[in-house]
Amino acid sequence: MNENMVNNVFYLIGELPTSLIIMGVALWMWKMPPKYGEIGGYNTKRSRKSVETWNYAQTAYGHYAAVTFAVVSVLTLAVGLTAIFLDLGETAGFVTFLTVTFVQVAGLFAIIMVIEHQLKEKFDEDGKPKG
């Protein structure tokens, strides 16, 4: 194994667990959401407005993040293995690592934006369901 391959293996080892951990936590939140007022979970000002907003936010985050990060995990594995087997150079491997990290962070922010928008659409300012 040459140095580039070793670097790309380390990049994959550094990237993949993040997606898998987020996916695991999301599955847990989706199937067993934290109770209202607990420290953990999807905890924003809007999600804390009422028990209804809290429960909606926990399961919505769990669902969106589990699906999103299942896809991101598969893509991370595919990109990482491609970098290893194509023996990409150190620079290309590092750019791949940064790109995957950016996709992971962007995925989290995208999910937050979607859930906050849904909370705003489905609940009034007091946390009561609209309509």
Foldseek 3Di string as FASTA:
>chain_A
DDPLLVLLVVLLVVQQVVLVVQLVVLLCLQVPNDAQPDPDADDDPLCNLDRLSVNVRSNLSSVQSNVLSVVLNVVSVVLSVCCNVVSPGPVVSVVSSVVSVVSVVVSVVVSVVVSVVVSPVQAPPNRHGDD
